[in-house]
Protein backbone atom coordinates (compact mmCIF):
# COMPACT_ATOMS: atom_id res chain seq x y z
CA UNK A 1 46.34 53.60 78.31
CA UNK A 2 44.50 52.97 81.58
CA UNK A 3 40.99 51.51 81.50
CA UNK A 4 37.99 53.41 82.89
CA UNK A 5 37.84 51.04 85.90
CA UNK A 6 41.54 51.54 86.58
CA UNK A 7 41.04 55.31 86.41
CA UNK A 8 38.15 55.04 88.86
CA UNK A 9 40.24 52.91 91.27
CA UNK A 10 43.04 55.45 90.98
CA UNK A 11 40.81 58.47 91.64
CA UNK A 12 38.91 56.98 94.56
CA UNK A 13 41.96 55.56 96.33
CA UNK A 14 43.79 58.85 95.81
CA UNK A 15 41.02 60.84 97.50
CA UNK A 16 40.35 58.46 100.39
CA UNK A 17 43.99 58.29 101.43
CA UNK A 18 44.35 62.06 101.05
CA UNK A 19 41.30 62.78 103.21
CA UNK A 20 42.69 60.63 106.00
CA UNK A 21 45.72 62.92 106.08
CA UNK A 22 44.40 66.36 105.09
CA UNK A 23 41.37 66.70 107.40
CA UNK A 24 43.27 66.45 110.70
CA UNK A 25 46.22 68.43 109.31
CA UNK A 26 43.91 71.16 107.98
CA UNK A 27 41.95 71.42 111.22
CA UNK A 28 45.20 71.79 113.15
CA UNK A 29 46.87 74.22 110.72
CA UNK A 30 43.86 76.54 110.30
CA UNK A 31 42.52 76.30 113.88
CA UNK A 32 39.09 75.24 112.65
CA UNK A 33 36.81 72.42 113.76
CA UNK A 34 37.61 69.10 112.15
CA UNK A 35 33.95 68.87 111.09
CA UNK A 36 34.20 72.06 109.00
CA UNK A 37 37.48 71.01 107.42
CA UNK A 38 35.95 67.57 106.90
CA UNK A 39 32.99 69.01 104.95
CA UNK A 40 35.35 71.14 102.86
CA UNK A 41 37.54 68.07 102.40
CA UNK A 42 34.70 65.79 101.28
CA UNK A 43 33.20 68.34 98.87
CA UNK A 44 36.67 69.15 97.56
CA UNK A 45 37.49 65.45 97.20
CA UNK A 46 34.27 64.83 95.28
CA UNK A 47 34.96 67.69 92.86
CA UNK A 48 38.61 66.70 92.65
CA UNK A 49 37.70 63.09 91.88
CA UNK A 50 35.54 64.15 88.95
CA UNK A 51 38.24 66.55 87.75
CA UNK A 52 40.89 63.84 88.28
CA UNK A 53 39.14 61.37 85.97
CA UNK A 54 38.59 63.93 83.20
CA UNK A 55 41.98 65.63 83.59
CA UNK A 56 44.03 62.41 83.68
CA UNK A 57 42.31 61.13 80.56
CA UNK A 58 43.00 64.37 78.68
CA UNK A 59 46.60 64.51 79.95
CA UNK A 60 47.22 60.90 78.89
CA UNK A 61 45.72 61.46 75.42
CA UNK A 62 47.91 64.53 74.87
CA UNK A 63 50.97 62.78 76.31
CA UNK A 64 50.49 59.70 74.14
CA UNK A 65 49.98 61.79 71.00
CA UNK A 66 53.06 63.93 71.67
CA UNK A 67 55.46 61.30 73.05
CA UNK A 68 54.03 57.94 71.93
CA UNK A 69 53.50 56.68 75.51
CA UNK A 70 51.56 57.47 78.66
CA UNK A 71 54.56 56.75 80.89
CA UNK A 72 55.55 60.01 82.57
CA UNK A 73 59.03 61.35 83.20
CA UNK A 74 59.71 63.22 86.44
CA UNK A 75 59.30 66.68 84.82
CA UNK A 76 56.04 65.51 83.21
CA UNK A 77 54.82 64.33 86.62
CA UNK A 78 55.58 67.74 88.13
CA UNK A 79 53.76 69.49 85.26
CA UNK A 80 50.86 67.07 85.62
CA UNK A 81 50.46 67.85 89.34
CA UNK A 82 50.79 71.64 88.93
CA UNK A 83 48.22 71.92 86.12
CA UNK A 84 45.80 69.71 88.01
CA UNK A 85 45.99 71.82 91.17
CA UNK A 86 45.73 75.17 89.37
CA UNK A 87 42.55 74.02 87.64
CA UNK A 88 41.09 72.81 90.91
CA UNK A 89 42.00 76.06 92.69
CA UNK A 90 39.60 78.05 90.53
CA UNK A 91 36.72 75.72 91.37
CA UNK A 92 37.33 75.29 95.09
CA UNK A 93 38.24 78.79 96.26
CA UNK A 94 34.70 80.27 96.07
CA UNK A 95 33.24 77.22 97.83
CA UNK A 96 35.79 77.39 100.67
CA UNK A 97 35.12 81.12 101.19
CA UNK A 98 31.37 80.60 101.26
CA UNK A 99 31.27 77.50 103.46
CA UNK A 100 33.83 78.62 106.04
CA UNK A 101 32.64 82.26 106.01
CA UNK A 102 36.10 83.59 105.22
CA UNK A 103 37.29 86.17 102.72
CA UNK A 104 38.32 85.15 99.22
CA UNK A 105 41.89 86.01 100.20
CA UNK A 106 41.74 83.65 103.21
CA UNK A 107 40.13 80.99 101.04
CA UNK A 108 42.87 81.49 98.48
CA UNK A 109 45.57 81.02 101.13
CA UNK A 110 43.83 77.92 102.49
CA UNK A 111 43.34 76.52 99.00
CA UNK A 112 46.97 77.16 98.09
CA UNK A 113 48.04 75.39 101.29
CA UNK A 114 45.86 72.42 100.40
CA UNK A 115 47.15 72.52 96.82
CA UNK A 116 50.77 72.43 98.00
CA UNK A 117 49.98 69.42 100.16
CA UNK A 118 48.17 67.72 97.28
CA UNK A 119 50.92 68.43 94.75
CA UNK A 120 53.50 66.69 96.90
CA UNK A 121 51.02 63.95 97.75
CA UNK A 122 49.98 63.51 94.08
CA UNK A 123 53.58 63.19 92.99
CA UNK A 124 54.21 60.39 95.49
CA UNK A 125 50.83 58.71 95.11
CA UNK A 126 50.97 58.61 91.30
CA UNK A 127 54.51 57.29 91.28
CA UNK A 128 53.54 54.54 93.76
CA UNK A 129 50.34 53.76 91.83
CA UNK A 130 52.26 53.38 88.57
CA UNK A 131 54.73 51.05 90.31
CA UNK A 132 51.94 48.96 91.87
CA UNK A 133 49.79 48.88 88.73
CA UNK A 134 52.10 49.24 85.70
CA UNK A 135 50.63 49.08 82.24
CA UNK A 136 51.59 46.25 79.89
CA UNK A 137 52.81 48.78 77.31
CA UNK A 138 55.46 50.00 79.77
CA UNK A 139 56.72 46.47 80.34
CA UNK A 140 57.03 45.84 76.59
CA UNK A 141 58.83 49.16 76.11
CA UNK A 142 61.38 48.24 78.76
CA UNK A 143 62.07 44.85 77.17
CA UNK A 144 62.54 46.38 73.70
CA UNK A 145 65.18 48.89 74.89
């Protein structure tokens, strides 16, 4: 299982790289000032980082107990990304509506758009992260097969 420092590195690098992409894309797509999307992005990233650390730990504990490993298959990665984004949606939607002065429906549509971006991004980022920083247990499992 990943160490707390590894989880922190994962969460922070995930959010920094995502912000570099999502703020300009969001400002363009929603015709809003980059500053406003930037504030929403930073607050969202902060909340998402905290959720990421807690959620990934819980997901890994459940995965290890049910499968005997924390290595994820492709379907498990998809499930992982979807559950993460649905949980975050419920937290972020009211904040987006309040800060941007839009209706809950508009905030929902914006949040879903961000969530779709992040699901695809999370899938790629987490796959790359696992390739760059594999756990020792995965290496030993491959050699025993």
